[in-house]
Amino acid sequence: DSGEIVPSSLSFDGGGVERVPLETTLKVIDQKSLAEVMLPKEVTVETAASDVPYIRSVFRFKRLCCTSMDAMSYQKQVLGRFSDEWEAFITDELIPVLSAASNGEVEGY
Protein backbone atom coordinates (compact mmCIF):
# COMPACT_ATOMS: atom_id res chain seq x y z
CA ASP A 1 0.00 0.00 0.00
CA SER A 2 1.19 3.49 -0.71
CA GLY A 3 1.66 5.62 2.36
CA GLU A 4 3.05 2.79 4.46
CA ILE A 5 6.51 3.21 5.84
CA VAL A 6 8.60 0.11 6.36
CA PRO A 7 11.87 0.80 8.16
CA SER A 8 14.99 -0.92 6.89
CA SER A 9 16.43 -1.04 10.42
CA LEU A 10 15.68 -0.26 14.05
CA SER A 11 17.81 1.80 16.39
CA PHE A 12 17.28 1.01 20.05
CA ASP A 13 18.42 4.43 21.19
CA GLY A 14 15.48 5.44 23.36
CA GLY A 15 14.52 8.17 20.92
CA GLY A 16 11.29 6.58 19.72
CA VAL A 17 7.82 7.51 20.86
CA GLU A 18 6.25 4.05 20.55
CA ARG A 19 7.05 0.83 22.32
CA VAL A 20 8.83 -1.88 20.38
CA PRO A 21 6.53 -4.91 19.92
CA LEU A 22 7.25 -7.74 22.36
CA GLU A 23 8.00 -10.23 19.57
CA THR A 24 10.63 -7.89 18.09
CA THR A 25 12.14 -7.24 21.49
CA LEU A 26 12.40 -10.95 22.24
CA LYS A 27 14.09 -11.63 18.89
CA VAL A 28 16.71 -8.97 19.59
CA ILE A 29 17.23 -10.30 23.12
CA ASP A 30 17.77 -13.79 21.67
CA GLN A 31 20.06 -12.64 18.84
CA LYS A 32 22.26 -10.63 21.21
CA SER A 33 22.23 -13.31 23.98
CA LEU A 34 20.80 -10.87 26.53
CA ALA A 35 18.15 -13.09 28.14
CA GLU A 36 20.17 -13.58 31.32
CA VAL A 37 20.27 -9.86 32.07
CA MET A 38 16.95 -8.71 30.62
CA LEU A 39 14.44 -11.42 31.54
CA PRO A 40 13.36 -12.66 34.95
CA LYS A 41 15.36 -15.69 36.09
CA GLU A 42 12.50 -18.15 35.63
CA VAL A 43 11.74 -17.01 32.06
CA THR A 44 13.49 -18.07 28.85
CA VAL A 45 13.24 -16.44 25.43
CA GLU A 46 11.15 -19.44 24.31
CA THR A 47 8.59 -19.01 27.11
CA ALA A 48 8.74 -15.22 27.35
CA ALA A 49 5.92 -14.51 24.89
CA SER A 50 3.43 -16.05 27.30
CA ASP A 51 5.27 -15.77 30.63
CA VAL A 52 7.08 -12.45 30.64
CA PRO A 53 5.71 -9.94 33.15
CA TYR A 54 8.38 -7.36 32.26
CA ILE A 55 11.65 -6.83 30.43
CA ARG A 56 14.48 -5.14 32.24
CA SER A 57 16.32 -2.22 30.76
CA VAL A 58 20.07 -2.57 30.71
CA PHE A 59 22.42 0.38 30.64
CA ARG A 60 26.17 0.57 30.42
CA PHE A 61 28.09 3.73 31.15
CA LYS A 62 31.73 4.51 30.54
CA ARG A 63 33.44 7.23 32.55
CA LEU A 64 37.10 8.01 32.50
CA CYS A 65 38.39 7.56 35.98
CA CYS A 66 42.07 7.54 36.04
CA THR A 67 45.21 6.54 34.27
CA SER A 68 47.79 4.02 35.30
CA MET A 69 50.01 6.98 36.14
CA ASP A 70 47.62 8.26 38.84
CA ALA A 71 48.34 7.35 42.44
CA MET A 72 46.28 4.50 43.87
CA SER A 73 44.92 6.83 46.56
CA TYR A 74 43.64 9.18 43.86
CA GLN A 75 42.08 6.30 41.92
CA LYS A 76 40.26 5.10 45.06
CA GLN A 77 39.04 8.63 45.75
CA VAL A 78 37.64 9.04 42.22
CA LEU A 79 35.99 5.60 42.25
CA GLY A 80 34.46 6.38 45.64
CA ARG A 81 33.02 9.60 44.24
CA PHE A 82 31.63 7.69 41.24
CA SER A 83 29.95 5.21 43.59
CA ASP A 84 28.43 8.01 45.66
CA GLU A 85 27.14 9.76 42.53
CA TRP A 86 25.67 6.50 41.20
CA GLU A 87 23.93 5.79 44.51
CA ALA A 88 22.48 9.31 44.57
CA PHE A 89 21.26 8.92 40.97
CA ILE A 90 19.55 5.62 41.75
CA THR A 91 17.97 6.86 44.99
CA ASP A 92 17.05 10.41 44.01
CA GLU A 93 16.28 10.11 40.29
CA LEU A 94 15.72 6.59 38.98
CA ILE A 95 13.72 4.89 41.74
CA PRO A 96 11.15 7.72 42.01
CA VAL A 97 10.52 7.65 38.23
CA LEU A 98 10.27 3.86 38.09
CA SER A 99 7.98 3.85 41.11
CA ALA A 100 5.72 6.47 39.54
CA ALA A 101 5.71 4.56 36.25
CA SER A 102 4.73 1.31 37.96
CA ASN A 103 1.78 3.14 39.53
CA GLY A 104 0.71 4.52 36.13
CA GLU A 105 1.70 8.06 37.05
CA VAL A 106 4.13 8.51 34.13
CA GLU A 107 2.78 8.70 30.59
CA GLY A 108 3.92 5.88 28.33
CA TYR A 109 4.51 3.30 31.04
C-alpha atoms as a PDB file:
ATOM      1  CA  ASP A   1       0.000   0.000   0.000  1.00  0.00           C
ATOM      2  CA  SER A   2       1.186   3.495  -0.712  1.00  0.00           C
ATOM      3  CA  GLY A   3       1.662   5.616   2.357  1.00  0.00           C
ATOM      4  CA  GLU A   4       3.050   2.787   4.456  1.00  0.00           C
ATOM      5  CA  ILE A   5       6.513   3.209   5.841  1.00  0.00           C
ATOM      6  CA  VAL A   6       8.604   0.114   6.358  1.00  0.00           C
ATOM      7  CA  PRO A   7      11.870   0.804   8.162  1.00  0.00           C
ATOM      8  CA  SER A   8      14.986  -0.917   6.890  1.00  0.00           C
ATOM      9  CA  SER A   9      16.428  -1.043  10.416  1.00  0.00           C
ATOM     10  CA  LEU A  10      15.683  -0.258  14.050  1.00  0.00           C
ATOM     11  CA  SER A  11      17.814   1.802  16.388  1.00  0.00           C
ATOM     12  CA  PHE A  12      17.277   1.008  20.052  1.00  0.00           C
ATOM     13  CA  ASP A  13      18.415   4.428  21.194  1.00  0.00           C
ATOM     14  CA  GLY A  14      15.478   5.437  23.362  1.00  0.00           C
ATOM     15  CA  GLY A  15      14.522   8.167  20.918  1.00  0.00           C
ATOM     16  CA  GLY A  16      11.292   6.585  19.724  1.00  0.00           C
ATOM     17  CA  VAL A  17       7.819   7.506  20.861  1.00  0.00           C
ATOM     18  CA  GLU A  18       6.255   4.053  20.548  1.00  0.00           C
ATOM     19  CA  ARG A  19       7.046   0.829  22.316  1.00  0.00           C
ATOM     20  CA  VAL A  20       8.825  -1.878  20.383  1.00  0.00           C
ATOM     21  CA  PRO A  21       6.528  -4.910  19.915  1.00  0.00           C
ATOM     22  CA  LEU A  22       7.250  -7.737  22.359  1.00  0.00           C
ATOM     23  CA  GLU A  23       8.000 -10.227  19.571  1.00  0.00           C
ATOM     24  CA  THR A  24      10.628  -7.889  18.091  1.00  0.00           C
ATOM     25  CA  THR A  25      12.138  -7.236  21.495  1.00  0.00           C
ATOM     26  CA  LEU A  26      12.401 -10.954  22.243  1.00  0.00           C
ATOM     27  CA  LYS A  27      14.087 -11.625  18.892  1.00  0.00           C
ATOM     28  CA  VAL A  28      16.710  -8.975  19.591  1.00  0.00           C
ATOM     29  CA  ILE A  29      17.232 -10.304  23.121  1.00  0.00           C
ATOM     30  CA  ASP A  30      17.773 -13.786  21.671  1.00  0.00           C
ATOM     31  CA  GLN A  31      20.059 -12.638  18.840  1.00  0.00           C
ATOM     32  CA  LYS A  32      22.258 -10.635  21.208  1.00  0.00           C
ATOM     33  CA  SER A  33      22.235 -13.310  23.977  1.00  0.00           C
ATOM     34  CA  LEU A  34      20.800 -10.873  26.531  1.00  0.00           C
ATOM     35  CA  ALA A  35      18.146 -13.091  28.143  1.00  0.00           C
ATOM     36  CA  GLU A  36      20.173 -13.578  31.316  1.00  0.00           C
ATOM     37  CA  VAL A  37      20.269  -9.857  32.074  1.00  0.00           C
ATOM     38  CA  MET A  38      16.947  -8.707  30.618  1.00  0.00           C
ATOM     39  CA  LEU A  39      14.444 -11.421  31.537  1.00  0.00           C
ATOM     40  CA  PRO A  40      13.358 -12.657  34.954  1.00  0.00           C
ATOM     41  CA  LYS A  41      15.362 -15.689  36.088  1.00  0.00           C
ATOM     42  CA  GLU A  42      12.497 -18.148  35.632  1.00  0.00           C
ATOM     43  CA  VAL A  43      11.739 -17.014  32.056  1.00  0.00           C
ATOM     44  CA  THR A  44      13.490 -18.070  28.847  1.00  0.00           C
ATOM     45  CA  VAL A  45      13.240 -16.442  25.429  1.00  0.00           C
ATOM     46  CA  GLU A  46      11.154 -19.438  24.314  1.00  0.00           C
ATOM     47  CA  THR A  47       8.586 -19.011  27.106  1.00  0.00           C
ATOM     48  CA  ALA A  48       8.738 -15.219  27.349  1.00  0.00           C
ATOM     49  CA  ALA A  49       5.916 -14.508  24.886  1.00  0.00           C
ATOM     50  CA  SER A  50       3.425 -16.054  27.302  1.00  0.00           C
ATOM     51  CA  ASP A  51       5.269 -15.766  30.630  1.00  0.00           C
ATOM     52  CA  VAL A  52       7.079 -12.448  30.644  1.00  0.00           C
ATOM     53  CA  PRO A  53       5.710  -9.942  33.152  1.00  0.00           C
ATOM     54  CA  TYR A  54       8.378  -7.361  32.260  1.00  0.00           C
ATOM     55  CA  ILE A  55      11.645  -6.832  30.432  1.00  0.00           C
ATOM     56  CA  ARG A  56      14.479  -5.143  32.236  1.00  0.00           C
ATOM     57  CA  SER A  57      16.323  -2.223  30.760  1.00  0.00           C
ATOM     58  CA  VAL A  58      20.067  -2.572  30.714  1.00  0.00           C
ATOM     59  CA  PHE A  59      22.423   0.377  30.637  1.00  0.00           C
ATOM     60  CA  ARG A  60      26.175   0.570  30.416  1.00  0.00           C
ATOM     61  CA  PHE A  61      28.094   3.731  31.149  1.00  0.00           C
ATOM     62  CA  LYS A  62      31.729   4.513  30.540  1.00  0.00           C
ATOM     63  CA  ARG A  63      33.443   7.235  32.545  1.00  0.00           C
ATOM     64  CA  LEU A  64      37.099   8.006  32.496  1.00  0.00           C
ATOM     65  CA  CYS A  65      38.394   7.556  35.981  1.00  0.00           C
ATOM     66  CA  CYS A  66      42.073   7.542  36.035  1.00  0.00           C
ATOM     67  CA  THR A  67      45.214   6.542  34.270  1.00  0.00           C
ATOM     68  CA  SER A  68      47.792   4.024  35.298  1.00  0.00           C
ATOM     69  CA  MET A  69      50.013   6.977  36.141  1.00  0.00           C
ATOM     70  CA  ASP A  70      47.618   8.256  38.838  1.00  0.00           C
ATOM     71  CA  ALA A  71      48.341   7.353  42.441  1.00  0.00           C
ATOM     72  CA  MET A  72      46.282   4.500  43.866  1.00  0.00           C
ATOM     73  CA  SER A  73      44.920   6.828  46.558  1.00  0.00           C
ATOM     74  CA  TYR A  74      43.643   9.181  43.856  1.00  0.00           C
ATOM     75  CA  GLN A  75      42.076   6.303  41.921  1.00  0.00           C
ATOM     76  CA  LYS A  76      40.261   5.096  45.059  1.00  0.00           C
ATOM     77  CA  GLN A  77      39.042   8.631  45.753  1.00  0.00           C
ATOM     78  CA  VAL A  78      37.637   9.041  42.225  1.00  0.00           C
ATOM     79  CA  LEU A  79      35.994   5.604  42.246  1.00  0.00           C
ATOM     80  CA  GLY A  80      34.461   6.380  45.643  1.00  0.00           C
ATOM     81  CA  ARG A  81      33.019   9.596  44.241  1.00  0.00           C
ATOM     82  CA  PHE A  82      31.627   7.693  41.236  1.00  0.00           C
ATOM     83  CA  SER A  83      29.954   5.206  43.586  1.00  0.00           C
ATOM     84  CA  ASP A  84      28.429   8.009  45.657  1.00  0.00           C
ATOM     85  CA  GLU A  85      27.144   9.763  42.527  1.00  0.00           C
ATOM     86  CA  TRP A  86      25.666   6.505  41.203  1.00  0.00           C
ATOM     87  CA  GLU A  87      23.934   5.789  44.512  1.00  0.00           C
ATOM     88  CA  ALA A  88      22.479   9.306  44.567  1.00  0.00           C
ATOM     89  CA  PHE A  89      21.257   8.925  40.974  1.00  0.00           C
ATOM     90  CA  ILE A  90      19.547   5.619  41.747  1.00  0.00           C
ATOM     91  CA  THR A  91      17.974   6.861  44.988  1.00  0.00           C
ATOM     92  CA  ASP A  92      17.047  10.408  44.011  1.00  0.00           C
ATOM     93  CA  GLU A  93      16.275  10.108  40.289  1.00  0.00           C
ATOM     94  CA  LEU A  94      15.722   6.591  38.979  1.00  0.00           C
ATOM     95  CA  ILE A  95      13.724   4.889  41.743  1.00  0.00           C
ATOM     96  CA  PRO A  96      11.148   7.718  42.006  1.00  0.00           C
ATOM     97  CA  VAL A  97      10.521   7.651  38.230  1.00  0.00           C
ATOM     98  CA  LEU A  98      10.266   3.863  38.094  1.00  0.00           C
ATOM     99  CA  SER A  99       7.977   3.855  41.105  1.00  0.00           C
ATOM    100  CA  ALA A 100       5.719   6.473  39.541  1.00  0.00           C
ATOM    101  CA  ALA A 101       5.713   4.556  36.251  1.00  0.00           C
ATOM    102  CA  SER A 102       4.729   1.311  37.964  1.00  0.00           C
ATOM    103  CA  ASN A 103       1.782   3.144  39.528  1.00  0.00           C
ATOM    104  CA  GLY A 104       0.706   4.519  36.129  1.00  0.00           C
ATOM    105  CA  GLU A 105       1.701   8.063  37.049  1.00  0.00           C
ATOM    106  CA  VAL A 106       4.129   8.514  34.134  1.00  0.00           C
ATOM    107  CA  GLU A 107       2.783   8.699  30.594  1.00  0.00           C
ATOM    108  CA  GLY A 108       3.922   5.880  28.328  1.00  0.00           C
ATOM    109  CA  TYR A 109       4.506   3.299  31.045  1.00  0.00           C
END
